[in-house]
Amino acid sequence: MSVSIETKQIPGATVVKLIGDSLEADNVASFRSAMAPVLDRSPNLVLDLSNISFMDSTGLGAMLSCLRTVKAKGGNLKLTNLTAEVRQLFEMVLMDRVFEIE
């Protein structure tokens, strides 16, 4: 299953909602290609992960790539609405210290 995104503007940022139930090796390429134009035009992003119930290391890598791109442009990336499973993964690999999580 591929991952697509929906975007909406809020004051000072673009909210990106991931549409799909996982972010993993099978679908991370579709996530990266969907995110590319958003990363080009928006320095401040909020990623809404409310639909994502599973993420593997390739999904984490894609998130880190987004974070690096945004930081290189002087922007900010926040994660919001993490499911319990995804939040646990971020805490287990200490990524909760790298990302700003709401």
PDB file of N, CA and C in Angstrom:
ATOM      1  N   MET A   1       0.837  -1.191   0.000  1.00  0.00           N
ATOM      2  CA  MET A   1       0.000   0.000   0.000  1.00  0.00           C
ATOM      3  C   MET A   1       0.875   1.244   0.000  1.00  0.00           C
ATOM      4  N   SER A   2       0.590   2.158  -0.883  1.00  0.00           N
ATOM      5  CA  SER A   2       1.398   3.373  -0.951  1.00  0.00           C
ATOM      6  C   SER A   2       0.937   4.373   0.109  1.00  0.00           C
ATOM      7  N   VAL A   3       1.789   5.343   0.327  1.00  0.00           N
ATOM      8  CA  VAL A   3       1.473   6.425   1.248  1.00  0.00           C
ATOM      9  C   VAL A   3       1.315   7.687   0.416  1.00  0.00           C
ATOM     10  N   SER A   4       0.206   8.380   0.622  1.00  0.00           N
ATOM     11  CA  SER A   4       0.024   9.677  -0.020  1.00  0.00           C
ATOM     12  C   SER A   4      -0.106  10.719   1.083  1.00  0.00           C
ATOM     13  N   ILE A   5      -0.227  11.962   0.678  1.00  0.00           N
ATOM     14  CA  ILE A   5      -0.315  13.029   1.673  1.00  0.00           C
ATOM     15  C   ILE A   5      -1.429  14.003   1.301  1.00  0.00           C
ATOM     16  N   GLU A   6      -1.935  14.670   2.308  1.00  0.00           N
ATOM     17  CA  GLU A   6      -2.841  15.803   2.135  1.00  0.00           C
ATOM     18  C   GLU A   6      -2.176  16.970   2.850  1.00  0.00           C
ATOM     19  N   THR A   7      -2.202  18.137   2.220  1.00  0.00           N
ATOM     20  CA  THR A   7      -1.588  19.300   2.856  1.00  0.00           C
ATOM     21  C   THR A   7      -2.623  20.390   3.070  1.00  0.00           C
ATOM     22  N   LYS A   8      -2.383  21.176   4.093  1.00  0.00           N
ATOM     23  CA  LYS A   8      -3.177  22.388   4.315  1.00  0.00           C
ATOM     24  C   LYS A   8      -2.276  23.420   4.975  1.00  0.00           C
ATOM     25  N   GLN A   9      -2.546  24.657   4.659  1.00  0.00           N
ATOM     26  CA  GLN A   9      -1.761  25.756   5.224  1.00  0.00           C
ATOM     27  C   GLN A   9      -2.389  26.217   6.535  1.00  0.00           C
ATOM     28  N   ILE A  10      -1.533  26.435   7.518  1.00  0.00           N
ATOM     29  CA  ILE A  10      -1.929  27.125   8.734  1.00  0.00           C
ATOM     30  C   ILE A  10      -0.958  28.291   8.869  1.00  0.00           C
ATOM     31  N   PRO A  11      -1.249  29.277   9.689  1.00  0.00           N
ATOM     32  CA  PRO A  11      -0.318  30.400   9.806  1.00  0.00           C
ATOM     33  C   PRO A  11       1.091  29.924  10.185  1.00  0.00           C
ATOM     34  N   GLY A  12       2.044  30.197   9.311  1.00  0.00           N
ATOM     35  CA  GLY A  12       3.442  29.894   9.601  1.00  0.00           C
ATOM     36  C   GLY A  12       3.915  28.493   9.275  1.00  0.00           C
ATOM     37  N   ALA A  13       3.038  27.624   8.759  1.00  0.00           N
ATOM     38  CA  ALA A  13       3.469  26.246   8.498  1.00  0.00           C
ATOM     39  C   ALA A  13       2.521  25.559   7.522  1.00  0.00           C
ATOM     40  N   THR A  14       3.012  24.440   7.008  1.00  0.00           N
ATOM     41  CA  THR A  14       2.198  23.547   6.199  1.00  0.00           C
ATOM     42  C   THR A  14       1.974  22.274   7.003  1.00  0.00           C
ATOM     43  N   VAL A  15       0.717  21.882   7.150  1.00  0.00           N
ATOM     44  CA  VAL A  15       0.389  20.619   7.818  1.00  0.00           C
ATOM     45  C   VAL A  15       0.305  19.541   6.735  1.00  0.00           C
ATOM     46  N   VAL A  16       1.034  18.456   6.959  1.00  0.00           N
ATOM     47  CA  VAL A  16       1.063  17.334   6.021  1.00  0.00           C
ATOM     48  C   VAL A  16       0.499  16.117   6.734  1.00  0.00           C
ATOM     49  N   LYS A  17      -0.664  15.648   6.268  1.00  0.00           N
ATOM     50  CA  LYS A  17      -1.275  14.455   6.855  1.00  0.00           C
ATOM     51  C   LYS A  17      -0.928  13.253   5.985  1.00  0.00           C
ATOM     52  N   LEU A  18      -0.346  12.244   6.590  1.00  0.00           N
ATOM     53  CA  LEU A  18      -0.008  11.034   5.854  1.00  0.00           C
ATOM     54  C   LEU A  18      -1.253  10.176   5.714  1.00  0.00           C
ATOM     55  N   ILE A  19      -1.514   9.738   4.492  1.00  0.00           N
ATOM     56  CA  ILE A  19      -2.673   8.904   4.190  1.00  0.00           C
ATOM     57  C   ILE A  19      -2.150   7.504   3.882  1.00  0.00           C
ATOM     58  N   GLY A  20      -2.421   6.592   4.773  1.00  0.00           N
ATOM     59  CA  GLY A  20      -1.940   5.220   4.694  1.00  0.00           C
ATOM     60  C   GLY A  20      -1.799   4.725   6.114  1.00  0.00           C
ATOM     61  N   ASP A  21      -1.629   3.418   6.283  1.00  0.00           N
ATOM     62  CA  ASP A  21      -1.563   2.909   7.656  1.00  0.00           C
ATOM     63  C   ASP A  21      -0.159   2.563   8.114  1.00  0.00           C
ATOM     64  N   SER A  22       0.830   2.655   7.199  1.00  0.00           N
ATOM     65  CA  SER A  22       2.202   2.346   7.599  1.00  0.00           C
ATOM     66  C   SER A  22       3.173   3.164   6.765  1.00  0.00           C
ATOM     67  N   LEU A  23       4.373   3.289   7.284  1.00  0.00           N
ATOM     68  CA  LEU A  23       5.481   3.902   6.550  1.00  0.00           C
ATOM     69  C   LEU A  23       6.648   2.939   6.703  1.00  0.00           C
ATOM     70  N   GLU A  24       6.916   2.189   5.623  1.00  0.00           N
ATOM     71  CA  GLU A  24       7.903   1.110   5.692  1.00  0.00           C
ATOM     72  C   GLU A  24       8.565   0.922   4.333  1.00  0.00           C
ATOM     73  N   ALA A  25       9.452  -0.060   4.258  1.00  0.00           N
ATOM     74  CA  ALA A  25      10.249  -0.282   3.051  1.00  0.00           C
ATOM     75  C   ALA A  25       9.388  -0.381   1.791  1.00  0.00           C
ATOM     76  N   ASP A  26       8.225  -0.994   1.888  1.00  0.00           N
ATOM     77  CA  ASP A  26       7.365  -1.192   0.719  1.00  0.00           C
ATOM     78  C   ASP A  26       6.788   0.099   0.152  1.00  0.00           C
ATOM     79  N   ASN A  27       6.662   1.128   0.975  1.00  0.00           N
ATOM     80  CA  ASN A  27       5.981   2.336   0.492  1.00  0.00           C
ATOM     81  C   ASN A  27       6.728   3.643   0.752  1.00  0.00           C
ATOM     82  N   VAL A  28       7.944   3.556   1.262  1.00  0.00           N
ATOM     83  CA  VAL A  28       8.661   4.790   1.603  1.00  0.00           C
ATOM     84  C   VAL A  28       8.993   5.605   0.351  1.00  0.00           C
ATOM     85  N   ALA A  29       9.160   4.961  -0.794  1.00  0.00           N
ATOM     86  CA  ALA A  29       9.455   5.700  -2.029  1.00  0.00           C
ATOM     87  C   ALA A  29       8.292   6.615  -2.403  1.00  0.00           C
ATOM     88  N   SER A  30       7.058   6.139  -2.223  1.00  0.00           N
ATOM     89  CA  SER A  30       5.897   6.982  -2.548  1.00  0.00           C
ATOM     90  C   SER A  30       5.804   8.161  -1.578  1.00  0.00           C
ATOM     91  N   PHE A  31       6.176   7.939  -0.325  1.00  0.00           N
ATOM     92  CA  PHE A  31       6.193   9.033   0.657  1.00  0.00           C
ATOM     93  C   PHE A  31       7.235  10.084   0.263  1.00  0.00           C
ATOM     94  N   ARG A  32       8.433   9.620  -0.076  1.00  0.00           N
ATOM     95  CA  ARG A  32       9.507  10.553  -0.446  1.00  0.00           C
ATOM     96  C   ARG A  32       9.118  11.391  -1.669  1.00  0.00           C
ATOM     97  N   SER A  33       8.529  10.744  -2.682  1.00  0.00           N
ATOM     98  CA  SER A  33       8.166  11.495  -3.894  1.00  0.00           C
ATOM     99  C   SER A  33       7.015  12.465  -3.625  1.00  0.00           C
ATOM    100  N   ALA A  34       6.091  12.093  -2.750  1.00  0.00           N
ATOM    101  CA  ALA A  34       4.994  12.999  -2.396  1.00  0.00           C
ATOM    102  C   ALA A  34       5.512  14.194  -1.587  1.00  0.00           C
ATOM    103  N   MET A  35       6.515  13.960  -0.754  1.00  0.00           N
ATOM    104  CA  MET A  35       7.038  15.014   0.109  1.00  0.00           C
ATOM    105  C   MET A  35       7.957  15.992  -0.615  1.00  0.00           C
ATOM    106  N   ALA A  36       8.594  15.565  -1.697  1.00  0.00           N
ATOM    107  CA  ALA A  36       9.605  16.395  -2.360  1.00  0.00           C
ATOM    108  C   ALA A  36       9.111  17.806  -2.694  1.00  0.00           C
ATOM    109  N   PRO A  37       7.951  17.964  -3.356  1.00  0.00           N
ATOM    110  CA  PRO A  37       7.515  19.334  -3.662  1.00  0.00           C
ATOM    111  C   PRO A  37       7.144  20.133  -2.416  1.00  0.00           C
ATOM    112  N   VAL A  38       6.657  19.467  -1.387  1.00  0.00           N
ATOM    113  CA  VAL A  38       6.302  20.157  -0.139  1.00  0.00           C
ATOM    114  C   VAL A  38       7.569  20.679   0.533  1.00  0.00           C
ATOM    115  N   LEU A  39       8.609  19.843   0.549  1.00  0.00           N
ATOM    116  CA  LEU A  39       9.880  20.250   1.157  1.00  0.00           C
ATOM    117  C   LEU A  39      10.512  21.411   0.399  1.00  0.00           C
ATOM    118  N   ASP A  40      10.292  21.455  -0.913  1.00  0.00           N
ATOM    119  CA  ASP A  40      10.840  22.541  -1.729  1.00  0.00           C
ATOM    120  C   ASP A  40      10.204  23.889  -1.402  1.00  0.00           C
ATOM    121  N   ARG A  41       8.910  23.891  -1.088  1.00  0.00           N
ATOM    122  CA  ARG A  41       8.220  25.169  -0.953  1.00  0.00           C
ATOM    123  C   ARG A  41       7.897  25.578   0.482  1.00  0.00           C
ATOM    124  N   SER A  42       8.052  24.680   1.437  1.00  0.00           N
ATOM    125  CA  SER A  42       7.610  24.989   2.802  1.00  0.00           C
ATOM    126  C   SER A  42       8.736  24.783   3.811  1.00  0.00           C
ATOM    127  N   PRO A  43       9.211  25.870   4.431  1.00  0.00           N
ATOM    128  CA  PRO A  43      10.283  25.695   5.415  1.00  0.00           C
ATOM    129  C   PRO A  43       9.800  25.134   6.751  1.00  0.00           C
ATOM    130  N   ASN A  44       8.534  25.350   7.083  1.00  0.00           N
ATOM    131  CA  ASN A  44       8.011  24.881   8.362  1.00  0.00           C
ATOM    132  C   ASN A  44       6.891  23.870   8.125  1.00  0.00           C
ATOM    133  N   LEU A  45       7.100  22.668   8.664  1.00  0.00           N
ATOM    134  CA  LEU A  45       6.146  21.584   8.437  1.00  0.00           C
ATOM    135  C   LEU A  45       5.673  20.984   9.751  1.00  0.00           C
ATOM    136  N   VAL A  46       4.423  20.548   9.745  1.00  0.00           N
ATOM    137  CA  VAL A  46       3.857  19.737  10.815  1.00  0.00           C
ATOM    138  C   VAL A  46       3.392  18.448  10.151  1.00  0.00           C
ATOM    139  N   LEU A  47       3.981  17.317  10.538  1.00  0.00           N
ATOM    140  CA  LEU A  47       3.577  16.027   9.976  1.00  0.00           C
ATOM    141  C   LEU A  47       2.575  15.370  10.911  1.00  0.00           C
ATOM    142  N   ASP A  48       1.381  15.145  10.403  1.00  0.00           N
ATOM    143  CA  ASP A  48       0.303  14.498  11.147  1.00  0.00           C
ATOM    144  C   ASP A  48       0.378  13.000  10.853  1.00  0.00           C
ATOM    145  N   LEU A  49       0.751  12.227  11.872  1.00  0.00           N
ATOM    146  CA  LEU A  49       0.944  10.780  11.719  1.00  0.00           C
ATOM    147  C   LEU A  49      -0.212   9.973  12.307  1.00  0.00           C
ATOM    148  N   SER A  50      -1.379  10.577  12.427  1.00  0.00           N
ATOM    149  CA  SER A  50      -2.501   9.918  13.097  1.00  0.00           C
ATOM    150  C   SER A  50      -2.940   8.623  12.420  1.00  0.00           C
ATOM    151  N   ASN A  51      -2.723   8.494  11.102  1.00  0.00           N
ATOM    152  CA  ASN A  51      -3.135   7.268  10.395  1.00  0.00           C
ATOM    153  C   ASN A  51      -2.075   6.180  10.402  1.00  0.00           C
ATOM    154  N   ILE A  52      -0.854   6.517  10.799  1.00  0.00           N
ATOM    155  CA  ILE A  52       0.264   5.575  10.698  1.00  0.00           C
ATOM    156  C   ILE A  52       0.336   4.733  11.967  1.00  0.00           C
ATOM    157  N   SER A  53       0.049   3.435  11.823  1.00  0.00           N
ATOM    158  CA  SER A  53       0.098   2.542  12.978  1.00  0.00           C
ATOM    159  C   SER A  53       1.370   1.705  13.015  1.00  0.00           C
ATOM    160  N   PHE A  54       2.147   1.723  11.906  1.00  0.00           N
ATOM    161  CA  PHE A  54       3.401   0.973  11.881  1.00  0.00           C
ATOM    162  C   PHE A  54       4.440   1.741  11.080  1.00  0.00           C
ATOM    163  N   MET A  55       5.662   1.767  11.619  1.00  0.00           N
ATOM    164  CA  MET A  55       6.777   2.396  10.923  1.00  0.00           C
ATOM    165  C   MET A  55       8.010   1.550  11.179  1.00  0.00           C
ATOM    166  N   ASP A  56       8.803   1.309  10.112  1.00  0.00           N
ATOM    167  CA  ASP A  56      10.049   0.572  10.300  1.00  0.00           C
ATOM    168  C   ASP A  56      11.234   1.519  10.137  1.00  0.00           C
ATOM    169  N   SER A  57      12.439   0.956  10.083  1.00  0.00           N
ATOM    170  CA  SER A  57      13.636   1.797  10.039  1.00  0.00           C
ATOM    171  C   SER A  57      13.712   2.635   8.766  1.00  0.00           C
ATOM    172  N   THR A  58      13.173   2.140   7.655  1.00  0.00           N
ATOM    173  CA  THR A  58      13.184   2.957   6.438  1.00  0.00           C
ATOM    174  C   THR A  58      12.226   4.144   6.582  1.00  0.00           C
ATOM    175  N   GLY A  59      11.125   3.945   7.281  1.00  0.00           N
ATOM    176  CA  GLY A  59      10.215   5.053   7.572  1.00  0.00           C
ATOM    177  C   GLY A  59      10.879   6.093   8.453  1.00  0.00           C
ATOM    178  N   LEU A  60      11.600   5.623   9.475  1.00  0.00           N
ATOM    179  CA  LEU A  60      12.346   6.544  10.338  1.00  0.00           C
ATOM    180  C   LEU A  60      13.393   7.303   9.528  1.00  0.00           C
ATOM    181  N   GLY A  61      14.054   6.593   8.630  1.00  0.00           N
ATOM    182  CA  GLY A  61      15.058   7.235   7.784  1.00  0.00           C
ATOM    183  C   GLY A  61      14.454   8.322   6.914  1.00  0.00           C
ATOM    184  N   ALA A  62      13.263   8.066   6.381  1.00  0.00           N
ATOM    185  CA  ALA A  62      12.582   9.068   5.562  1.00  0.00           C
ATOM    186  C   ALA A  62      12.207  10.284   6.402  1.00  0.00           C
ATOM    187  N   MET A  63      11.792  10.056   7.639  1.00  0.00           N
ATOM    188  CA  MET A  63      11.475  11.168   8.539  1.00  0.00           C
ATOM    189  C   MET A  63      12.729  12.003   8.821  1.00  0.00           C
ATOM    190  N   LEU A  64      13.847  11.323   9.071  1.00  0.00           N
ATOM    191  CA  LEU A  64      15.102  12.026   9.324  1.00  0.00           C
ATOM    192  C   LEU A  64      15.539  12.833   8.108  1.00  0.00           C
ATOM    193  N   SER A  65      15.343  12.279   6.939  1.00  0.00           N
ATOM    194  CA  SER A  65      15.685  12.977   5.713  1.00  0.00           C
ATOM    195  C   SER A  65      14.872  14.270   5.580  1.00  0.00           C
ATOM    196  N   CYS A  66      13.576  14.189   5.880  1.00  0.00           N
ATOM    197  CA  CYS A  66      12.719  15.384   5.866  1.00  0.00           C
ATOM    198  C   CYS A  66      13.225  16.416   6.870  1.00  0.00           C
ATOM    199  N   LEU A  67      13.572  15.944   8.064  1.00  0.00           N
ATOM    200  CA  LEU A  67      14.051  16.844   9.112  1.00  0.00           C
ATOM    201  C   LEU A  67      15.333  17.550   8.670  1.00  0.00           C
ATOM    202  N   ARG A  68      16.278  16.801   8.097  1.00  0.00           N
ATOM    203  CA  ARG A  68      17.535  17.395   7.626  1.00  0.00           C
ATOM    204  C   ARG A  68      17.285  18.443   6.547  1.00  0.00           C
ATOM    205  N   THR A  69      16.396  18.134   5.612  1.00  0.00           N
ATOM    206  CA  THR A  69      16.090  19.070   4.527  1.00  0.00           C
ATOM    207  C   THR A  69      15.500  20.365   5.074  1.00  0.00           C
ATOM    208  N   VAL A  70      14.555  20.240   6.001  1.00  0.00           N
ATOM    209  CA  VAL A  70      13.897  21.413   6.586  1.00  0.00           C
ATOM    210  C   VAL A  70      14.898  22.235   7.404  1.00  0.00           C
ATOM    211  N   LYS A  71      15.709  21.567   8.212  1.00  0.00           N
ATOM    212  CA  LYS A  71      16.691  22.275   9.043  1.00  0.00           C
ATOM    213  C   LYS A  71      17.722  23.000   8.180  1.00  0.00           C
ATOM    214  N   ALA A  72      18.122  22.388   7.055  1.00  0.00           N
ATOM    215  CA  ALA A  72      19.101  23.009   6.158  1.00  0.00           C
ATOM    216  C   ALA A  72      18.569  24.319   5.570  1.00  0.00           C
ATOM    217  N   LYS A  73      17.248  24.447   5.493  1.00  0.00           N
ATOM    218  CA  LYS A  73      16.625  25.670   4.970  1.00  0.00           C
ATOM    219  C   LYS A  73      16.259  26.642   6.088  1.00  0.00           C
ATOM    220  N   GLY A  74      16.655  26.305   7.303  1.00  0.00           N
ATOM    221  CA  GLY A  74      16.351  27.179   8.431  1.00  0.00           C
ATOM    222  C   GLY A  74      14.936  27.031   8.943  1.00  0.00           C
ATOM    223  N   GLY A  75      14.275  25.936   8.565  1.00  0.00           N
ATOM    224  CA  GLY A  75      12.888  25.718   8.971  1.00  0.00           C
ATOM    225  C   GLY A  75      12.775  24.803  10.180  1.00  0.00           C
ATOM    226  N   ASN A  76      11.568  24.346  10.405  1.00  0.00           N
ATOM    227  CA  ASN A  76      11.265  23.518  11.566  1.00  0.00           C
ATOM    228  C   ASN A  76      10.297  22.416  11.152  1.00  0.00           C
ATOM    229  N   LEU A  77      10.449  21.258  11.762  1.00  0.00           N
ATOM    230  CA  LEU A  77       9.569  20.120  11.508  1.00  0.00           C
ATOM    231  C   LEU A  77       9.058  19.597  12.836  1.00  0.00           C
ATOM    232  N   LYS A  78       7.740  19.512  12.952  1.00  0.00           N
ATOM    233  CA  LYS A  78       7.107  18.949  14.142  1.00  0.00           C
ATOM    234  C   LYS A  78       6.328  17.720  13.731  1.00  0.00           C
ATOM    235  N   LEU A  79       6.254  16.749  14.627  1.00  0.00           N
ATOM    236  CA  LEU A  79       5.415  15.571  14.432  1.00  0.00           C
ATOM    237  C   LEU A  79       4.244  15.676  15.390  1.00  0.00           C
ATOM    238  N   THR A  80       3.069  15.296  14.912  1.00  0.00           N
ATOM    239  CA  THR A  80       1.887  15.378  15.757  1.00  0.00           C
ATOM    240  C   THR A  80       1.009  14.147  15.557  1.00  0.00           C
ATOM    241  N   ASN A  81       0.175  13.880  16.546  1.00  0.00           N
ATOM    242  CA  ASN A  81      -0.811  12.789  16.515  1.00  0.00           C
ATOM    243  C   ASN A  81      -0.185  11.419  16.284  1.00  0.00           C
ATOM    244  N   LEU A  82       0.933  11.149  16.951  1.00  0.00           N
ATOM    245  CA  LEU A  82       1.551   9.829  16.832  1.00  0.00           C
ATOM    246  C   LEU A  82       0.678   8.787  17.523  1.00  0.00           C
ATOM    247  N   THR A  83       0.512   7.640  16.869  1.00  0.00           N
ATOM    248  CA  THR A  83      -0.176   6.528  17.519  1.00  0.00           C
ATOM    249  C   THR A  83       0.737   5.984  18.612  1.00  0.00           C
ATOM    250  N   ALA A  84       0.180   5.222  19.527  1.00  0.00           N
ATOM    251  CA  ALA A  84       0.970   4.668  20.629  1.00  0.00           C
ATOM    252  C   ALA A  84       2.131   3.825  20.102  1.00  0.00           C
ATOM    253  N   GLU A  85       1.883   3.054  19.045  1.00  0.00           N
ATOM    254  CA  GLU A  85       2.925   2.186  18.488  1.00  0.00           C
ATOM    255  C   GLU A  85       4.080   3.000  17.904  1.00  0.00           C
ATOM    256  N   VAL A  86       3.744   4.028  17.162  1.00  0.00           N
ATOM    257  CA  VAL A  86       4.780   4.849  16.531  1.00  0.00           C
ATOM    258  C   VAL A  86       5.525   5.664  17.587  1.00  0.00           C
ATOM    259  N   ARG A  87       4.811   6.194  18.560  1.00  0.00           N
ATOM    260  CA  ARG A  87       5.456   6.934  19.653  1.00  0.00           C
ATOM    261  C   ARG A  87       6.436   6.020  20.395  1.00  0.00           C
ATOM    262  N   GLN A  88       6.034   4.790  20.637  1.00  0.00           N
ATOM    263  CA  GLN A  88       6.905   3.832  21.327  1.00  0.00           C
ATOM    264  C   GLN A  88       8.181   3.580  20.524  1.00  0.00           C
ATOM    265  N   LEU A  89       8.045   3.457  19.204  1.00  0.00           N
ATOM    266  CA  LEU A  89       9.214   3.271  18.350  1.00  0.00           C
ATOM    267  C   LEU A  89      10.156   4.470  18.458  1.00  0.00           C
ATOM    268  N   PHE A  90       9.623   5.682  18.364  1.00  0.00           N
ATOM    269  CA  PHE A  90      10.450   6.880  18.454  1.00  0.00           C
ATOM    270  C   PHE A  90      11.172   6.944  19.796  1.00  0.00           C
ATOM    271  N   GLU A  91      10.488   6.555  20.874  1.00  0.00           N
ATOM    272  CA  GLU A  91      11.114   6.568  22.198  1.00  0.00           C
ATOM    273  C   GLU A  91      12.175   5.472  22.314  1.00  0.00           C
ATOM    274  N   MET A  92      11.897   4.299  21.760  1.00  0.00           N
ATOM    275  CA  MET A  92      12.808   3.160  21.867  1.00  0.00           C
ATOM    276  C   MET A  92      14.150   3.464  21.193  1.00  0.00           C
ATOM    277  N   VAL A  93      14.109   4.148  20.057  1.00  0.00           N
ATOM    278  CA  VAL A  93      15.358   4.455  19.338  1.00  0.00           C
ATOM    279  C   VAL A  93      15.831   5.892  19.602  1.00  0.00           C
ATOM    280  N   LEU A  94      15.253   6.515  20.614  1.00  0.00           N
ATOM    281  CA  LEU A  94      15.631   7.848  21.085  1.00  0.00           C
ATOM    282  C   LEU A  94      15.400   8.956  20.052  1.00  0.00           C
ATOM    283  N   MET A  95      14.544   8.701  19.092  1.00  0.00           N
ATOM    284  CA  MET A  95      14.222   9.726  18.100  1.00  0.00           C
ATOM    285  C   MET A  95      13.298  10.792  18.678  1.00  0.00           C
ATOM    286  N   ASP A  96      12.702  10.506  19.836  1.00  0.00           N
ATOM    287  CA  ASP A  96      11.890  11.522  20.499  1.00  0.00           C
ATOM    288  C   ASP A  96      12.751  12.676  21.000  1.00  0.00           C
ATOM    289  N   ARG A  97      14.082  12.455  21.037  1.00  0.00           N
ATOM    290  CA  ARG A  97      15.008  13.526  21.426  1.00  0.00           C
ATOM    291  C   ARG A  97      15.462  14.335  20.207  1.00  0.00           C
ATOM    292  N   VAL A  98      15.280  13.769  19.030  1.00  0.00           N
ATOM    293  CA  VAL A  98      15.715  14.408  17.792  1.00  0.00           C
ATOM    294  C   VAL A  98      14.580  15.247  17.192  1.00  0.00           C
ATOM    295  N   PHE A  99      13.370  14.699  17.257  1.00  0.00           N
ATOM    296  CA  PHE A  99      12.197  15.377  16.671  1.00  0.00           C
ATOM    297  C   PHE A  99      11.422  16.122  17.727  1.00  0.00           C
ATOM    298  N   GLU A 100      10.792  17.207  17.309  1.00  0.00           N
ATOM    299  CA  GLU A 100       9.838  17.907  18.165  1.00  0.00           C
ATOM    300  C   GLU A 100       8.505  17.207  17.978  1.00  0.00           C
ATOM    301  N   ILE A 101       7.983  16.605  19.052  1.00  0.00           N
ATOM    302  CA  ILE A 101       6.759  15.834  18.985  1.00  0.00           C
ATOM    303  C   ILE A 101       5.702  16.513  19.850  1.00  0.00           C
ATOM    304  N   GLU A 102       4.552  16.755  19.238  1.00  0.00           N
ATOM    305  CA  GLU A 102       3.429  17.373  19.966  1.00  0.00           C
ATOM    306  C   GLU A 102       2.478  16.301  20.433  1.00  0.00           C
TER     307      GLU A 102
END
